[in-house]
Amino acid sequence: MNLYLPHKIIIMTGFWYFLGDMFESIFKVVPFFGLWFNKLLIVLGFIAYFFWLRYMSKQNEVEKFD
């Protein structure tokens, strides 16, 4: 019998409510930015992609598929 299970459930429920509240607040602000927010996310995605490529080339790790 695990006595800590209810405590863990309460912590996880609180975490998911916090995450949901955070996303709701973000979604309330996003319409203010309009299409600029989408363009910003696309640009950040490309920048992150190229940084990841550079990082992986410096690590010199090549994943081989069988």
PDB file of N, CA and C in Angstrom:
ATOM      1  N   MET A   1       0.839  -1.182   0.000  1.00  0.00           N
ATOM      2  CA  MET A   1       0.000   0.000   0.000  1.00  0.00           C
ATOM      3  C   MET A   1       0.880   1.240   0.000  1.00  0.00           C
ATOM      4  N   ASN A   2       0.669   2.105  -0.972  1.00  0.00           N
ATOM      5  CA  ASN A   2       1.492   3.302  -1.113  1.00  0.00           C
ATOM      6  C   ASN A   2       0.769   4.491  -0.493  1.00  0.00           C
ATOM      7  N   LEU A   3       1.319   5.030   0.579  1.00  0.00           N
ATOM      8  CA  LEU A   3       0.681   6.151   1.270  1.00  0.00           C
ATOM      9  C   LEU A   3       0.965   7.490   0.600  1.00  0.00           C
ATOM     10  N   TYR A   4       1.958   7.545  -0.280  1.00  0.00           N
ATOM     11  CA  TYR A   4       2.335   8.798  -0.917  1.00  0.00           C
ATOM     12  C   TYR A   4       1.575   9.071  -2.212  1.00  0.00           C
ATOM     13  N   LEU A   5       0.798   8.135  -2.671  1.00  0.00           N
ATOM     14  CA  LEU A   5       0.092   8.283  -3.943  1.00  0.00           C
ATOM     15  C   LEU A   5      -0.835   9.491  -3.977  1.00  0.00           C
ATOM     16  N   PRO A   6      -1.667   9.747  -2.964  1.00  0.00           N
ATOM     17  CA  PRO A   6      -2.534  10.926  -3.043  1.00  0.00           C
ATOM     18  C   PRO A   6      -1.752  12.234  -3.102  1.00  0.00           C
ATOM     19  N   HIS A   7      -0.620  12.300  -2.406  1.00  0.00           N
ATOM     20  CA  HIS A   7       0.191  13.511  -2.428  1.00  0.00           C
ATOM     21  C   HIS A   7       0.751  13.760  -3.828  1.00  0.00           C
ATOM     22  N   LYS A   8       1.201  12.695  -4.490  1.00  0.00           N
ATOM     23  CA  LYS A   8       1.735  12.840  -5.841  1.00  0.00           C
ATOM     24  C   LYS A   8       0.641  13.255  -6.816  1.00  0.00           C
ATOM     25  N   ILE A   9      -0.538  12.734  -6.633  1.00  0.00           N
ATOM     26  CA  ILE A   9      -1.645  13.097  -7.518  1.00  0.00           C
ATOM     27  C   ILE A   9      -1.984  14.579  -7.354  1.00  0.00           C
ATOM     28  N   ILE A  10      -1.979  15.066  -6.121  1.00  0.00           N
ATOM     29  CA  ILE A  10      -2.270  16.482  -5.874  1.00  0.00           C
ATOM     30  C   ILE A  10      -1.207  17.363  -6.514  1.00  0.00           C
ATOM     31  N   ILE A  11       0.052  16.975  -6.416  1.00  0.00           N
ATOM     32  CA  ILE A  11       1.136  17.757  -7.022  1.00  0.00           C
ATOM     33  C   ILE A  11       0.986  17.778  -8.538  1.00  0.00           C
ATOM     34  N   MET A  12       0.716  16.640  -9.145  1.00  0.00           N
ATOM     35  CA  MET A  12       0.578  16.597 -10.599  1.00  0.00           C
ATOM     36  C   MET A  12      -0.652  17.365 -11.060  1.00  0.00           C
ATOM     37  N   THR A  13      -1.745  17.297 -10.313  1.00  0.00           N
ATOM     38  CA  THR A  13      -2.940  18.057 -10.679  1.00  0.00           C
ATOM     39  C   THR A  13      -2.640  19.550 -10.630  1.00  0.00           C
ATOM     40  N   GLY A  14      -1.930  19.980  -9.611  1.00  0.00           N
ATOM     41  CA  GLY A  14      -1.542  21.385  -9.517  1.00  0.00           C
ATOM     42  C   GLY A  14      -0.653  21.816 -10.670  1.00  0.00           C
ATOM     43  N   PHE A  15       0.253  20.920 -11.070  1.00  0.00           N
ATOM     44  CA  PHE A  15       1.138  21.229 -12.193  1.00  0.00           C
ATOM     45  C   PHE A  15       0.346  21.410 -13.478  1.00  0.00           C
ATOM     46  N   TRP A  16      -0.617  20.508 -13.729  1.00  0.00           N
ATOM     47  CA  TRP A  16      -1.376  20.602 -14.974  1.00  0.00           C
ATOM     48  C   TRP A  16      -2.296  21.821 -14.978  1.00  0.00           C
ATOM     49  N   TYR A  17      -2.853  22.178 -13.819  1.00  0.00           N
ATOM     50  CA  TYR A  17      -3.653  23.403 -13.743  1.00  0.00           C
ATOM     51  C   TYR A  17      -2.774  24.635 -13.987  1.00  0.00           C
ATOM     52  N   PHE A  18      -1.571  24.641 -13.430  1.00  0.00           N
ATOM     53  CA  PHE A  18      -0.641  25.749 -13.668  1.00  0.00           C
ATOM     54  C   PHE A  18      -0.308  25.859 -15.144  1.00  0.00           C
ATOM     55  N   LEU A  19      -0.014  24.730 -15.783  1.00  0.00           N
ATOM     56  CA  LEU A  19       0.324  24.730 -17.204  1.00  0.00           C
ATOM     57  C   LEU A  19      -0.855  25.232 -18.040  1.00  0.00           C
ATOM     58  N   GLY A  20      -2.056  24.793 -17.711  1.00  0.00           N
ATOM     59  CA  GLY A  20      -3.238  25.251 -18.434  1.00  0.00           C
ATOM     60  C   GLY A  20      -3.477  26.734 -18.256  1.00  0.00           C
ATOM     61  N   ASP A  21      -3.313  27.247 -17.034  1.00  0.00           N
ATOM     62  CA  ASP A  21      -3.470  28.684 -16.789  1.00  0.00           C
ATOM     63  C   ASP A  21      -2.425  29.495 -17.538  1.00  0.00           C
ATOM     64  N   MET A  22      -1.202  28.972 -17.603  1.00  0.00           N
ATOM     65  CA  MET A  22      -0.144  29.674 -18.320  1.00  0.00           C
ATOM     66  C   MET A  22      -0.485  29.778 -19.809  1.00  0.00           C
ATOM     67  N   PHE A  23      -0.942  28.672 -20.403  1.00  0.00           N
ATOM     68  CA  PHE A  23      -1.293  28.702 -21.823  1.00  0.00           C
ATOM     69  C   PHE A  23      -2.510  29.582 -22.081  1.00  0.00           C
ATOM     70  N   GLU A  24      -3.476  29.597 -21.192  1.00  0.00           N
ATOM     71  CA  GLU A  24      -4.625  30.486 -21.363  1.00  0.00           C
ATOM     72  C   GLU A  24      -4.197  31.941 -21.366  1.00  0.00           C
ATOM     73  N   SER A  25      -3.262  32.305 -20.500  1.00  0.00           N
ATOM     74  CA  SER A  25      -2.793  33.690 -20.473  1.00  0.00           C
ATOM     75  C   SER A  25      -2.018  34.027 -21.742  1.00  0.00           C
ATOM     76  N   ILE A  26      -1.251  33.065 -22.261  1.00  0.00           N
ATOM     77  CA  ILE A  26      -0.520  33.305 -23.509  1.00  0.00           C
ATOM     78  C   ILE A  26      -1.497  33.490 -24.665  1.00  0.00           C
ATOM     79  N   PHE A  27      -2.541  32.653 -24.718  1.00  0.00           N
ATOM     80  CA  PHE A  27      -3.499  32.733 -25.817  1.00  0.00           C
ATOM     81  C   PHE A  27      -4.329  34.015 -25.766  1.00  0.00           C
ATOM     82  N   LYS A  28      -4.469  34.631 -24.607  1.00  0.00           N
ATOM     83  CA  LYS A  28      -5.166  35.912 -24.522  1.00  0.00           C
ATOM     84  C   LYS A  28      -4.330  37.042 -25.112  1.00  0.00           C
ATOM     85  N   VAL A  29      -2.997  36.910 -25.054  1.00  0.00           N
ATOM     86  CA  VAL A  29      -2.099  37.961 -25.547  1.00  0.00           C
ATOM     87  C   VAL A  29      -1.810  37.805 -27.034  1.00  0.00           C
ATOM     88  N   VAL A  30      -1.849  36.579 -27.554  1.00  0.00           N
ATOM     89  CA  VAL A  30      -1.452  36.302 -28.932  1.00  0.00           C
ATOM     90  C   VAL A  30      -2.263  37.092 -29.967  1.00  0.00           C
ATOM     91  N   PRO A  31      -3.592  37.238 -29.859  1.00  0.00           N
ATOM     92  CA  PRO A  31      -4.307  37.996 -30.889  1.00  0.00           C
ATOM     93  C   PRO A  31      -3.841  39.451 -31.013  1.00  0.00           C
ATOM     94  N   PHE A  32      -3.284  40.004 -29.966  1.00  0.00           N
ATOM     95  CA  PHE A  32      -2.754  41.369 -30.025  1.00  0.00           C
ATOM     96  C   PHE A  32      -1.619  41.465 -31.039  1.00  0.00           C
ATOM     97  N   PHE A  33      -0.787  40.420 -31.136  1.00  0.00           N
ATOM     98  CA  PHE A  33       0.350  40.432 -32.047  1.00  0.00           C
ATOM     99  C   PHE A  33      -0.043  40.078 -33.473  1.00  0.00           C
ATOM    100  N   GLY A  34      -1.131  39.379 -33.658  1.00  0.00           N
ATOM    101  CA  GLY A  34      -1.591  39.026 -34.997  1.00  0.00           C
ATOM    102  C   GLY A  34      -0.635  38.072 -35.691  1.00  0.00           C
ATOM    103  N   LEU A  35      -0.371  38.320 -36.963  1.00  0.00           N
ATOM    104  CA  LEU A  35       0.498  37.439 -37.746  1.00  0.00           C
ATOM    105  C   LEU A  35       1.965  37.576 -37.377  1.00  0.00           C
ATOM    106  N   TRP A  36       2.331  38.665 -36.699  1.00  0.00           N
ATOM    107  CA  TRP A  36       3.729  38.849 -36.321  1.00  0.00           C
ATOM    108  C   TRP A  36       4.193  37.761 -35.362  1.00  0.00           C
ATOM    109  N   PHE A  37       3.284  37.277 -34.523  1.00  0.00           N
ATOM    110  CA  PHE A  37       3.651  36.209 -33.595  1.00  0.00           C
ATOM    111  C   PHE A  37       3.978  34.927 -34.363  1.00  0.00           C
ATOM    112  N   ASN A  38       3.200  34.616 -35.382  1.00  0.00           N
ATOM    113  CA  ASN A  38       3.474  33.431 -36.206  1.00  0.00           C
ATOM    114  C   ASN A  38       4.813  33.562 -36.921  1.00  0.00           C
ATOM    115  N   LYS A  39       5.067  34.741 -37.465  1.00  0.00           N
ATOM    116  CA  LYS A  39       6.341  34.970 -38.153  1.00  0.00           C
ATOM    117  C   LYS A  39       7.506  34.863 -37.183  1.00  0.00           C
ATOM    118  N   LEU A  40       7.330  35.364 -35.970  1.00  0.00           N
ATOM    119  CA  LEU A  40       8.377  35.257 -34.962  1.00  0.00           C
ATOM    120  C   LEU A  40       8.672  33.805 -34.624  1.00  0.00           C
ATOM    121  N   LEU A  41       7.629  32.998 -34.464  1.00  0.00           N
ATOM    122  CA  LEU A  41       7.834  31.582 -34.162  1.00  0.00           C
ATOM    123  C   LEU A  41       8.541  30.853 -35.304  1.00  0.00           C
ATOM    124  N   ILE A  42       8.212  31.199 -36.537  1.00  0.00           N
ATOM    125  CA  ILE A  42       8.864  30.577 -37.688  1.00  0.00           C
ATOM    126  C   ILE A  42      10.344  30.938 -37.715  1.00  0.00           C
ATOM    127  N   VAL A  43      10.657  32.208 -37.487  1.00  0.00           N
ATOM    128  CA  VAL A  43      12.052  32.651 -37.489  1.00  0.00           C
ATOM    129  C   VAL A  43      12.821  31.991 -36.345  1.00  0.00           C
ATOM    130  N   LEU A  44      12.228  31.932 -35.164  1.00  0.00           N
ATOM    131  CA  LEU A  44      12.894  31.275 -34.033  1.00  0.00           C
ATOM    132  C   LEU A  44      13.117  29.794 -34.303  1.00  0.00           C
ATOM    133  N   GLY A  45      12.171  29.165 -34.987  1.00  0.00           N
ATOM    134  CA  GLY A  45      12.329  27.756 -35.346  1.00  0.00           C
ATOM    135  C   GLY A  45      13.497  27.541 -36.300  1.00  0.00           C
ATOM    136  N   PHE A  46      13.633  28.407 -37.300  1.00  0.00           N
ATOM    137  CA  PHE A  46      14.752  28.288 -38.229  1.00  0.00           C
ATOM    138  C   PHE A  46      16.077  28.536 -37.521  1.00  0.00           C
ATOM    139  N   ILE A  47      16.130  29.520 -36.663  1.00  0.00           N
ATOM    140  CA  ILE A  47      17.367  29.806 -35.922  1.00  0.00           C
ATOM    141  C   ILE A  47      17.737  28.611 -35.048  1.00  0.00           C
ATOM    142  N   ALA A  48      16.769  28.054 -34.346  1.00  0.00           N
ATOM    143  CA  ALA A  48      17.035  26.893 -33.493  1.00  0.00           C
ATOM    144  C   ALA A  48      17.487  25.702 -34.339  1.00  0.00           C
ATOM    145  N   TYR A  49      16.890  25.540 -35.510  1.00  0.00           N
ATOM    146  CA  TYR A  49      17.260  24.431 -36.397  1.00  0.00           C
ATOM    147  C   TYR A  49      18.711  24.541 -36.822  1.00  0.00           C
ATOM    148  N   PHE A  50      19.155  25.730 -37.227  1.00  0.00           N
ATOM    149  CA  PHE A  50      20.527  25.894 -37.687  1.00  0.00           C
ATOM    150  C   PHE A  50      21.524  25.813 -36.533  1.00  0.00           C
ATOM    151  N   PHE A  51      21.152  26.290 -35.355  1.00  0.00           N
ATOM    152  CA  PHE A  51      22.017  26.097 -34.194  1.00  0.00           C
ATOM    153  C   PHE A  51      22.165  24.618 -33.867  1.00  0.00           C
ATOM    154  N   TRP A  52      21.066  23.876 -33.996  1.00  0.00           N
ATOM    155  CA  TRP A  52      21.122  22.438 -33.733  1.00  0.00           C
ATOM    156  C   TRP A  52      22.010  21.734 -34.751  1.00  0.00           C
ATOM    157  N   LEU A  53      21.921  22.113 -36.016  1.00  0.00           N
ATOM    158  CA  LEU A  53      22.790  21.524 -37.031  1.00  0.00           C
ATOM    159  C   LEU A  53      24.252  21.810 -36.734  1.00  0.00           C
ATOM    160  N   ARG A  54      24.554  23.041 -36.350  1.00  0.00           N
ATOM    161  CA  ARG A  54      25.927  23.407 -36.029  1.00  0.00           C
ATOM    162  C   ARG A  54      26.424  22.645 -34.797  1.00  0.00           C
ATOM    163  N   TYR A  55      25.568  22.534 -33.802  1.00  0.00           N
ATOM    164  CA  TYR A  55      25.939  21.806 -32.591  1.00  0.00           C
ATOM    165  C   TYR A  55      26.222  20.338 -32.900  1.00  0.00           C
ATOM    166  N   MET A  56      25.373  19.712 -33.691  1.00  0.00           N
ATOM    167  CA  MET A  56      25.564  18.309 -34.021  1.00  0.00           C
ATOM    168  C   MET A  56      26.803  18.093 -34.884  1.00  0.00           C
ATOM    169  N   SER A  57      27.118  19.039 -35.772  1.00  0.00           N
ATOM    170  CA  SER A  57      28.328  18.879 -36.579  1.00  0.00           C
ATOM    171  C   SER A  57      29.574  19.025 -35.717  1.00  0.00           C
ATOM    172  N   LYS A  58      29.521  19.862 -34.677  1.00  0.00           N
ATOM    173  CA  LYS A  58      30.664  19.988 -33.776  1.00  0.00           C
ATOM    174  C   LYS A  58      30.822  18.757 -32.902  1.00  0.00           C
ATOM    175  N   GLN A  59      29.736  18.099 -32.561  1.00  0.00           N
ATOM    176  CA  GLN A  59      29.801  16.887 -31.753  1.00  0.00           C
ATOM    177  C   GLN A  59      30.309  15.700 -32.558  1.00  0.00           C
ATOM    178  N   ASN A  60      30.202  15.828 -33.870  1.00  0.00           N
ATOM    179  CA  ASN A  60      30.675  14.782 -34.797  1.00  0.00           C
ATOM    180  C   ASN A  60      30.020  13.440 -34.494  1.00  0.00           C
ATOM    181  N   GLU A  61      28.740  13.473 -34.197  1.00  0.00           N
ATOM    182  CA  GLU A  61      27.982  12.255 -33.971  1.00  0.00           C
ATOM    183  C   GLU A  61      27.059  12.034 -35.160  1.00  0.00           C
ATOM    184  N   VAL A  62      27.223  10.920 -35.805  1.00  0.00           N
ATOM    185  CA  VAL A  62      26.371  10.594 -36.930  1.00  0.00           C
ATOM    186  C   VAL A  62      25.535   9.393 -36.545  1.00  0.00           C
ATOM    187  N   GLU A  63      24.229   9.528 -36.649  1.00  0.00           N
ATOM    188  CA  GLU A  63      23.338   8.425 -36.321  1.00  0.00           C
ATOM    189  C   GLU A  63      23.213   7.546 -37.559  1.00  0.00           C
ATOM    190  N   LYS A  64      23.509   6.269 -37.394  1.00  0.00           N
ATOM    191  CA  LYS A  64      23.441   5.336 -38.518  1.00  0.00           C
ATOM    192  C   LYS A  64      22.176   4.528 -38.410  1.00  0.00           C
ATOM    193  N   PHE A  65      21.498   4.421 -39.540  1.00  0.00           N
ATOM    194  CA  PHE A  65      20.286   3.620 -39.610  1.00  0.00           C
ATOM    195  C   PHE A  65      20.636   2.241 -40.141  1.00  0.00           C
ATOM    196  N   ASP A  66      20.077   1.222 -39.523  1.00  0.00           N
ATOM    197  CA  ASP A  66      20.347  -0.145 -39.978  1.00  0.00           C
ATOM    198  C   ASP A  66      19.525  -0.492 -41.177  1.00  0.00           C
TER     199      ASP A  66
END
